[in-house]
């Protein structure tokens, strides 16, 4: 079975679900990442960035993935 045929892991789904929420501030978001996902904010962002390029993530949460891809592209174009 290829990687694209495997389902997303529970952690991947939790990260995508978490990313779909809006946060009032970075501090609250970072604290929630540690408490709810059990990972550092840096590890969360690295995993989320990788998921944005994963077709399985797009199939699972198209609105979230497309919104975050657009934000990432905008940040990259501003460099």
PDB file of N, CA and C in Angstrom:
ATOM      1  N   UNK A   1       0.848  -1.171   0.000  1.00  0.00           N
ATOM      2  CA  UNK A   1       0.000   0.000   0.000  1.00  0.00           C
ATOM      3  C   UNK A   1       0.899   1.242   0.000  1.00  0.00           C
ATOM      4  N   UNK A   2       0.680   2.179  -0.906  1.00  0.00           N
ATOM      5  CA  UNK A   2       1.490   3.390  -0.963  1.00  0.00           C
ATOM      6  C   UNK A   2       1.056   4.356   0.137  1.00  0.00           C
ATOM      7  N   UNK A   3       1.904   5.350   0.389  1.00  0.00           N
ATOM      8  CA  UNK A   3       1.603   6.322   1.436  1.00  0.00           C
ATOM      9  C   UNK A   3       0.300   7.063   1.153  1.00  0.00           C
ATOM     10  N   UNK A   4       0.030   7.367  -0.114  1.00  0.00           N
ATOM     11  CA  UNK A   4      -1.199   8.082  -0.457  1.00  0.00           C
ATOM     12  C   UNK A   4      -2.449   7.252  -0.195  1.00  0.00           C
ATOM     13  N   UNK A   5      -2.304   5.930  -0.155  1.00  0.00           N
ATOM     14  CA  UNK A   5      -3.457   5.072   0.109  1.00  0.00           C
ATOM     15  C   UNK A   5      -3.707   4.901   1.602  1.00  0.00           C
ATOM     16  N   UNK A   6      -2.695   5.169   2.427  1.00  0.00           N
ATOM     17  CA  UNK A   6      -2.856   5.049   3.872  1.00  0.00           C
ATOM     18  C   UNK A   6      -3.677   6.221   4.383  1.00  0.00           C
ATOM     19  N   UNK A   7      -4.508   5.983   5.387  1.00  0.00           N
ATOM     20  CA  UNK A   7      -5.273   7.105   5.943  1.00  0.00           C
ATOM     21  C   UNK A   7      -4.353   8.013   6.754  1.00  0.00           C
ATOM     22  N   UNK A   8      -4.782   9.240   6.963  1.00  0.00           N
ATOM     23  CA  UNK A   8      -4.045  10.147   7.838  1.00  0.00           C
ATOM     24  C   UNK A   8      -4.031   9.574   9.250  1.00  0.00           C
ATOM     25  N   UNK A   9      -2.976   9.845   9.980  1.00  0.00           N
ATOM     26  CA  UNK A   9      -2.911   9.388  11.367  1.00  0.00           C
ATOM     27  C   UNK A   9      -3.832  10.252  12.229  1.00  0.00           C
ATOM     28  N   UNK A  10      -4.138   9.760  13.412  1.00  0.00           N
ATOM     29  CA  UNK A  10      -4.971  10.523  14.346  1.00  0.00           C
ATOM     30  C   UNK A  10      -4.289  11.846  14.677  1.00  0.00           C
ATOM     31  N   UNK A  11      -2.969  11.837  14.810  1.00  0.00           N
ATOM     32  CA  UNK A  11      -2.235  13.075  15.102  1.00  0.00           C
ATOM     33  C   UNK A  11      -2.360  14.057  13.942  1.00  0.00           C
ATOM     34  N   UNK A  12      -2.246  13.573  12.707  1.00  0.00           N
ATOM     35  CA  UNK A  12      -2.391  14.446  11.543  1.00  0.00           C
ATOM     36  C   UNK A  12      -3.781  15.086  11.503  1.00  0.00           C
ATOM     37  N   UNK A  13      -4.793  14.298  11.759  1.00  0.00           N
ATOM     38  CA  UNK A  13      -6.170  14.813  11.774  1.00  0.00           C
ATOM     39  C   UNK A  13      -6.346  15.838  12.884  1.00  0.00           C
ATOM     40  N   UNK A  14      -5.772  15.567  14.061  1.00  0.00           N
ATOM     41  CA  UNK A  14      -5.870  16.512  15.177  1.00  0.00           C
ATOM     42  C   UNK A  14      -5.187  17.836  14.826  1.00  0.00           C
ATOM     43  N   UNK A  15      -4.046  17.770  14.151  1.00  0.00           N
ATOM     44  CA  UNK A  15      -3.332  18.988  13.746  1.00  0.00           C
ATOM     45  C   UNK A  15      -4.169  19.774  12.741  1.00  0.00           C
ATOM     46  N   UNK A  16      -4.747  19.102  11.769  1.00  0.00           N
ATOM     47  CA  UNK A  16      -5.587  19.793  10.789  1.00  0.00           C
ATOM     48  C   UNK A  16      -6.826  20.408  11.447  1.00  0.00           C
ATOM     49  N   UNK A  17      -7.438  19.674  12.351  1.00  0.00           N
ATOM     50  CA  UNK A  17      -8.608  20.203  13.052  1.00  0.00           C
ATOM     51  C   UNK A  17      -8.227  21.416  13.897  1.00  0.00           C
ATOM     52  N   UNK A  18      -7.078  21.341  14.556  1.00  0.00           N
ATOM     53  CA  UNK A  18      -6.593  22.448  15.370  1.00  0.00           C
ATOM     54  C   UNK A  18      -6.318  23.664  14.489  1.00  0.00           C
ATOM     55  N   UNK A  19      -5.725  23.442  13.321  1.00  0.00           N
ATOM     56  CA  UNK A  19      -5.374  24.530  12.407  1.00  0.00           C
ATOM     57  C   UNK A  19      -6.610  25.230  11.846  1.00  0.00           C
ATOM     58  N   UNK A  20      -7.748  24.581  11.894  1.00  0.00           N
ATOM     59  CA  UNK A  20      -8.962  25.188  11.346  1.00  0.00           C
ATOM     60  C   UNK A  20      -9.547  26.241  12.269  1.00  0.00           C
ATOM     61  N   UNK A  21      -9.059  26.299  13.506  1.00  0.00           N
ATOM     62  CA  UNK A  21      -9.586  27.257  14.484  1.00  0.00           C
ATOM     63  C   UNK A  21      -8.838  28.571  14.419  1.00  0.00           C
ATOM     64  N   UNK A  22      -9.518  29.638  14.800  1.00  0.00           N
ATOM     65  CA  UNK A  22      -8.897  30.957  14.912  1.00  0.00           C
ATOM     66  C   UNK A  22      -8.528  31.188  16.375  1.00  0.00           C
ATOM     67  N   UNK A  23      -7.395  31.841  16.595  1.00  0.00           N
ATOM     68  CA  UNK A  23      -6.926  32.106  17.955  1.00  0.00           C
ATOM     69  C   UNK A  23      -6.744  33.599  18.149  1.00  0.00           C
ATOM     70  N   UNK A  24      -7.081  34.070  19.345  1.00  0.00           N
ATOM     71  CA  UNK A  24      -6.971  35.497  19.656  1.00  0.00           C
ATOM     72  C   UNK A  24      -5.514  35.945  19.683  1.00  0.00           C
ATOM     73  N   UNK A  25      -4.639  35.069  20.104  1.00  0.00           N
ATOM     74  CA  UNK A  25      -3.231  35.444  20.191  1.00  0.00           C
ATOM     75  C   UNK A  25      -2.323  34.244  20.100  1.00  0.00           C
ATOM     76  N   UNK A  26      -1.053  34.521  19.816  1.00  0.00           N
ATOM     77  CA  UNK A  26      -0.085  33.442  19.668  1.00  0.00           C
ATOM     78  C   UNK A  26       0.126  32.703  20.979  1.00  0.00           C
ATOM     79  N   UNK A  27       0.126  33.414  22.091  1.00  0.00           N
ATOM     80  CA  UNK A  27       0.345  32.780  23.389  1.00  0.00           C
ATOM     81  C   UNK A  27      -0.715  31.740  23.701  1.00  0.00           C
ATOM     82  N   UNK A  28      -1.966  32.084  23.470  1.00  0.00           N
ATOM     83  CA  UNK A  28      -3.066  31.144  23.726  1.00  0.00           C
ATOM     84  C   UNK A  28      -2.965  29.943  22.800  1.00  0.00           C
ATOM     85  N   UNK A  29      -2.634  30.202  21.541  1.00  0.00           N
ATOM     86  CA  UNK A  29      -2.499  29.110  20.575  1.00  0.00           C
ATOM     87  C   UNK A  29      -1.351  28.178  20.961  1.00  0.00           C
ATOM     88  N   UNK A  30      -0.211  28.753  21.306  1.00  0.00           N
ATOM     89  CA  UNK A  30       0.948  27.932  21.667  1.00  0.00           C
ATOM     90  C   UNK A  30       0.678  27.086  22.906  1.00  0.00           C
ATOM     91  N   UNK A  31      -0.002  27.654  23.879  1.00  0.00           N
ATOM     92  CA  UNK A  31      -0.350  26.912  25.092  1.00  0.00           C
ATOM     93  C   UNK A  31      -1.296  25.763  24.744  1.00  0.00           C
ATOM     94  N   UNK A  32      -2.266  26.032  23.883  1.00  0.00           N
ATOM     95  CA  UNK A  32      -3.218  24.989  23.479  1.00  0.00           C
ATOM     96  C   UNK A  32      -2.523  23.893  22.680  1.00  0.00           C
ATOM     97  N   UNK A  33      -1.542  24.248  21.867  1.00  0.00           N
ATOM     98  CA  UNK A  33      -0.787  23.236  21.109  1.00  0.00           C
ATOM     99  C   UNK A  33      -0.116  22.268  22.074  1.00  0.00           C
ATOM    100  N   UNK A  34       0.527  22.828  23.087  1.00  0.00           N
ATOM    101  CA  UNK A  34       1.208  21.973  24.076  1.00  0.00           C
ATOM    102  C   UNK A  34       0.217  21.097  24.843  1.00  0.00           C
ATOM    103  N   UNK A  35      -0.894  21.696  25.271  1.00  0.00           N
ATOM    104  CA  UNK A  35      -1.861  20.982  26.104  1.00  0.00           C
ATOM    105  C   UNK A  35      -2.677  19.964  25.313  1.00  0.00           C
ATOM    106  N   UNK A  36      -3.154  20.341  24.148  1.00  0.00           N
ATOM    107  CA  UNK A  36      -4.071  19.477  23.389  1.00  0.00           C
ATOM    108  C   UNK A  36      -3.361  18.491  22.467  1.00  0.00           C
ATOM    109  N   UNK A  37      -2.247  18.935  21.892  1.00  0.00           N
ATOM    110  CA  UNK A  37      -1.560  18.078  20.921  1.00  0.00           C
ATOM    111  C   UNK A  37      -0.309  17.428  21.497  1.00  0.00           C
ATOM    112  N   UNK A  38       0.156  17.916  22.629  1.00  0.00           N
ATOM    113  CA  UNK A  38       1.321  17.327  23.273  1.00  0.00           C
ATOM    114  C   UNK A  38       2.604  17.495  22.475  1.00  0.00           C
ATOM    115  N   UNK A  39       2.737  18.629  21.799  1.00  0.00           N
ATOM    116  CA  UNK A  39       3.947  18.894  21.020  1.00  0.00           C
ATOM    117  C   UNK A  39       4.288  20.364  21.138  1.00  0.00           C
ATOM    118  N   UNK A  40       5.498  20.693  20.768  1.00  0.00           N
ATOM    119  CA  UNK A  40       5.911  22.095  20.798  1.00  0.00           C
ATOM    120  C   UNK A  40       5.272  22.834  19.622  1.00  0.00           C
ATOM    121  N   UNK A  41       5.140  24.140  19.744  1.00  0.00           N
ATOM    122  CA  UNK A  41       4.621  24.921  18.612  1.00  0.00           C
ATOM    123  C   UNK A  41       5.485  24.754  17.353  1.00  0.00           C
ATOM    124  N   UNK A  42       6.781  24.635  17.507  1.00  0.00           N
ATOM    125  CA  UNK A  42       7.664  24.439  16.351  1.00  0.00           C
ATOM    126  C   UNK A  42       7.368  23.117  15.658  1.00  0.00           C
ATOM    127  N   UNK A  43       7.226  22.037  16.436  1.00  0.00           N
ATOM    128  CA  UNK A  43       6.917  20.727  15.853  1.00  0.00           C
ATOM    129  C   UNK A  43       5.547  20.757  15.175  1.00  0.00           C
ATOM    130  N   UNK A  44       4.594  21.450  15.790  1.00  0.00           N
ATOM    131  CA  UNK A  44       3.258  21.589  15.207  1.00  0.00           C
ATOM    132  C   UNK A  44       3.342  22.274  13.843  1.00  0.00           C
ATOM    133  N   UNK A  45       4.056  23.390  13.778  1.00  0.00           N
ATOM    134  CA  UNK A  45       4.150  24.133  12.518  1.00  0.00           C
ATOM    135  C   UNK A  45       4.880  23.336  11.443  1.00  0.00           C
ATOM    136  N   UNK A  46       5.892  22.577  11.835  1.00  0.00           N
ATOM    137  CA  UNK A  46       6.605  21.735  10.867  1.00  0.00           C
ATOM    138  C   UNK A  46       5.686  20.661  10.314  1.00  0.00           C
ATOM    139  N   UNK A  47       4.932  20.010  11.187  1.00  0.00           N
ATOM    140  CA  UNK A  47       4.010  18.969  10.742  1.00  0.00           C
ATOM    141  C   UNK A  47       2.896  19.567   9.888  1.00  0.00           C
ATOM    142  N   UNK A  48       2.357  20.692  10.321  1.00  0.00           N
ATOM    143  CA  UNK A  48       1.292  21.339   9.555  1.00  0.00           C
ATOM    144  C   UNK A  48       1.785  21.723   8.168  1.00  0.00           C
ATOM    145  N   UNK A  49       2.981  22.268   8.076  1.00  0.00           N
ATOM    146  CA  UNK A  49       3.535  22.650   6.780  1.00  0.00           C
ATOM    147  C   UNK A  49       3.680  21.436   5.869  1.00  0.00           C
ATOM    148  N   UNK A  50       4.113  20.316   6.421  1.00  0.00           N
ATOM    149  CA  UNK A  50       4.222  19.090   5.622  1.00  0.00           C
ATOM    150  C   UNK A  50       2.842  18.607   5.177  1.00  0.00           C
ATOM    151  N   UNK A  51       1.862  18.726   6.063  1.00  0.00           N
ATOM    152  CA  UNK A  51       0.509  18.284   5.721  1.00  0.00           C
ATOM    153  C   UNK A  51      -0.094  19.124   4.597  1.00  0.00           C
ATOM    154  N   UNK A  52       0.296  20.374   4.484  1.00  0.00           N
ATOM    155  CA  UNK A  52      -0.254  21.224   3.427  1.00  0.00           C
ATOM    156  C   UNK A  52       0.110  20.713   2.040  1.00  0.00           C
ATOM    157  N   UNK A  53       1.162  19.908   1.956  1.00  0.00           N
ATOM    158  CA  UNK A  53       1.570  19.333   0.673  1.00  0.00           C
ATOM    159  C   UNK A  53       1.089  17.896   0.493  1.00  0.00           C
ATOM    160  N   UNK A  54       0.313  17.397   1.428  1.00  0.00           N
ATOM    161  CA  UNK A  54      -0.155  16.007   1.407  1.00  0.00           C
ATOM    162  C   UNK A  54      -1.568  15.950   0.815  1.00  0.00           C
ATOM    163  N   UNK A  55      -1.766  15.235  -0.292  1.00  0.00           N
ATOM    164  CA  UNK A  55      -3.101  15.163  -0.900  1.00  0.00           C
ATOM    165  C   UNK A  55      -4.160  14.582   0.038  1.00  0.00           C
ATOM    166  N   UNK A  56      -3.757  13.746   0.965  1.00  0.00           N
ATOM    167  CA  UNK A  56      -4.713  13.182   1.930  1.00  0.00           C
ATOM    168  C   UNK A  56      -5.255  14.269   2.847  1.00  0.00           C
ATOM    169  N   UNK A  57      -4.390  15.226   3.210  1.00  0.00           N
ATOM    170  CA  UNK A  57      -4.831  16.341   4.055  1.00  0.00           C
ATOM    171  C   UNK A  57      -5.812  17.220   3.289  1.00  0.00           C
ATOM    172  N   UNK A  58      -5.524  17.452   2.021  1.00  0.00           N
ATOM    173  CA  UNK A  58      -6.435  18.244   1.191  1.00  0.00           C
ATOM    174  C   UNK A  58      -7.801  17.569   1.093  1.00  0.00           C
ATOM    175  N   UNK A  59      -7.808  16.259   0.952  1.00  0.00           N
ATOM    176  CA  UNK A  59      -9.076  15.525   0.871  1.00  0.00           C
ATOM    177  C   UNK A  59      -9.828  15.577   2.208  1.00  0.00           C
ATOM    178  N   UNK A  60      -9.091  15.583   3.318  1.00  0.00           N
ATOM    179  CA  UNK A  60      -9.719  15.571   4.642  1.00  0.00           C
ATOM    180  C   UNK A  60     -10.273  16.945   5.020  1.00  0.00           C
ATOM    181  N   UNK A  61      -9.507  17.994   4.746  1.00  0.00           N
ATOM    182  CA  UNK A  61      -9.900  19.343   5.175  1.00  0.00           C
ATOM    183  C   UNK A  61      -9.579  20.357   4.081  1.00  0.00           C
ATOM    184  N   UNK A  62     -10.317  20.307   2.969  1.00  0.00           N
ATOM    185  CA  UNK A  62      -9.968  21.166   1.831  1.00  0.00           C
ATOM    186  C   UNK A  62     -10.000  22.666   2.141  1.00  0.00           C
ATOM    187  N   UNK A  63     -10.957  23.133   2.882  1.00  0.00           N
ATOM    188  CA  UNK A  63     -11.030  24.567   3.172  1.00  0.00           C
ATOM    189  C   UNK A  63      -9.829  25.018   3.992  1.00  0.00           C
ATOM    190  N   UNK A  64      -9.499  24.253   5.022  1.00  0.00           N
ATOM    191  CA  UNK A  64      -8.364  24.596   5.873  1.00  0.00           C
ATOM    192  C   UNK A  64      -7.063  24.540   5.086  1.00  0.00           C
ATOM    193  N   UNK A  65      -6.845  23.473   4.358  1.00  0.00           N
ATOM    194  CA  UNK A  65      -5.597  23.311   3.615  1.00  0.00           C
ATOM    195  C   UNK A  65      -5.465  24.397   2.546  1.00  0.00           C
ATOM    196  N   UNK A  66      -6.513  24.673   1.811  1.00  0.00           N
ATOM    197  CA  UNK A  66      -6.436  25.712   0.776  1.00  0.00           C
ATOM    198  C   UNK A  66      -6.202  27.098   1.380  1.00  0.00           C
ATOM    199  N   UNK A  67      -6.844  27.399   2.508  1.00  0.00           N
ATOM    200  CA  UNK A  67      -6.637  28.684   3.175  1.00  0.00           C
ATOM    201  C   UNK A  67      -5.188  28.816   3.639  1.00  0.00           C
ATOM    202  N   UNK A  68      -4.659  27.769   4.245  1.00  0.00           N
ATOM    203  CA  UNK A  68      -3.287  27.822   4.747  1.00  0.00           C
ATOM    204  C   UNK A  68      -2.264  27.814   3.612  1.00  0.00           C
ATOM    205  N   UNK A  69      -2.553  27.114   2.531  1.00  0.00           N
ATOM    206  CA  UNK A  69      -1.667  27.157   1.362  1.00  0.00           C
ATOM    207  C   UNK A  69      -1.594  28.572   0.795  1.00  0.00           C
ATOM    208  N   UNK A  70      -2.742  29.253   0.730  1.00  0.00           N
ATOM    209  CA  UNK A  70      -2.763  30.623   0.218  1.00  0.00           C
ATOM    210  C   UNK A  70      -1.970  31.553   1.133  1.00  0.00           C
ATOM    211  N   UNK A  71      -2.120  31.387   2.442  1.00  0.00           N
ATOM    212  CA  UNK A  71      -1.362  32.205   3.391  1.00  0.00           C
ATOM    213  C   UNK A  71       0.135  31.950   3.256  1.00  0.00           C
ATOM    214  N   UNK A  72       0.505  30.693   3.107  1.00  0.00           N
ATOM    215  CA  UNK A  72       1.913  30.332   2.951  1.00  0.00           C
ATOM    216  C   UNK A  72       2.474  30.936   1.662  1.00  0.00           C
ATOM    217  N   UNK A  73       1.724  30.857   0.582  1.00  0.00           N
ATOM    218  CA  UNK A  73       2.185  31.416  -0.702  1.00  0.00           C
ATOM    219  C   UNK A  73       2.350  32.933  -0.595  1.00  0.00           C
ATOM    220  N   UNK A  74       1.446  33.602   0.095  1.00  0.00           N
ATOM    221  CA  UNK A  74       1.538  35.047   0.270  1.00  0.00           C
ATOM    222  C   UNK A  74       2.790  35.414   1.075  1.00  0.00           C
ATOM    223  N   UNK A  75       3.026  34.690   2.165  1.00  0.00           N
ATOM    224  CA  UNK A  75       4.230  34.952   2.966  1.00  0.00           C
ATOM    225  C   UNK A  75       5.497  34.744   2.150  1.00  0.00           C
ATOM    226  N   UNK A  76       5.525  33.693   1.351  1.00  0.00           N
ATOM    227  CA  UNK A  76       6.706  33.416   0.533  1.00  0.00           C
ATOM    228  C   UNK A  76       6.916  34.481  -0.544  1.00  0.00           C
ATOM    229  N   UNK A  77       5.836  35.013  -1.097  1.00  0.00           N
ATOM    230  CA  UNK A  77       5.966  36.033  -2.144  1.00  0.00           C
ATOM    231  C   UNK A  77       6.404  37.381  -1.574  1.00  0.00           C
ATOM    232  N   UNK A  78       6.202  37.586  -0.282  1.00  0.00           N
ATOM    233  CA  UNK A  78       6.580  38.851   0.354  1.00  0.00           C
ATOM    234  C   UNK A  78       8.049  38.890   0.759  1.00  0.00           C
ATOM    235  N   UNK A  79       8.759  37.783   0.625  1.00  0.00           N
ATOM    236  CA  UNK A  79      10.168  37.745   1.014  1.00  0.00           C
ATOM    237  C   UNK A  79      11.031  38.444   0.023  1.00  0.00           C
TER     238      UNK A  79
END
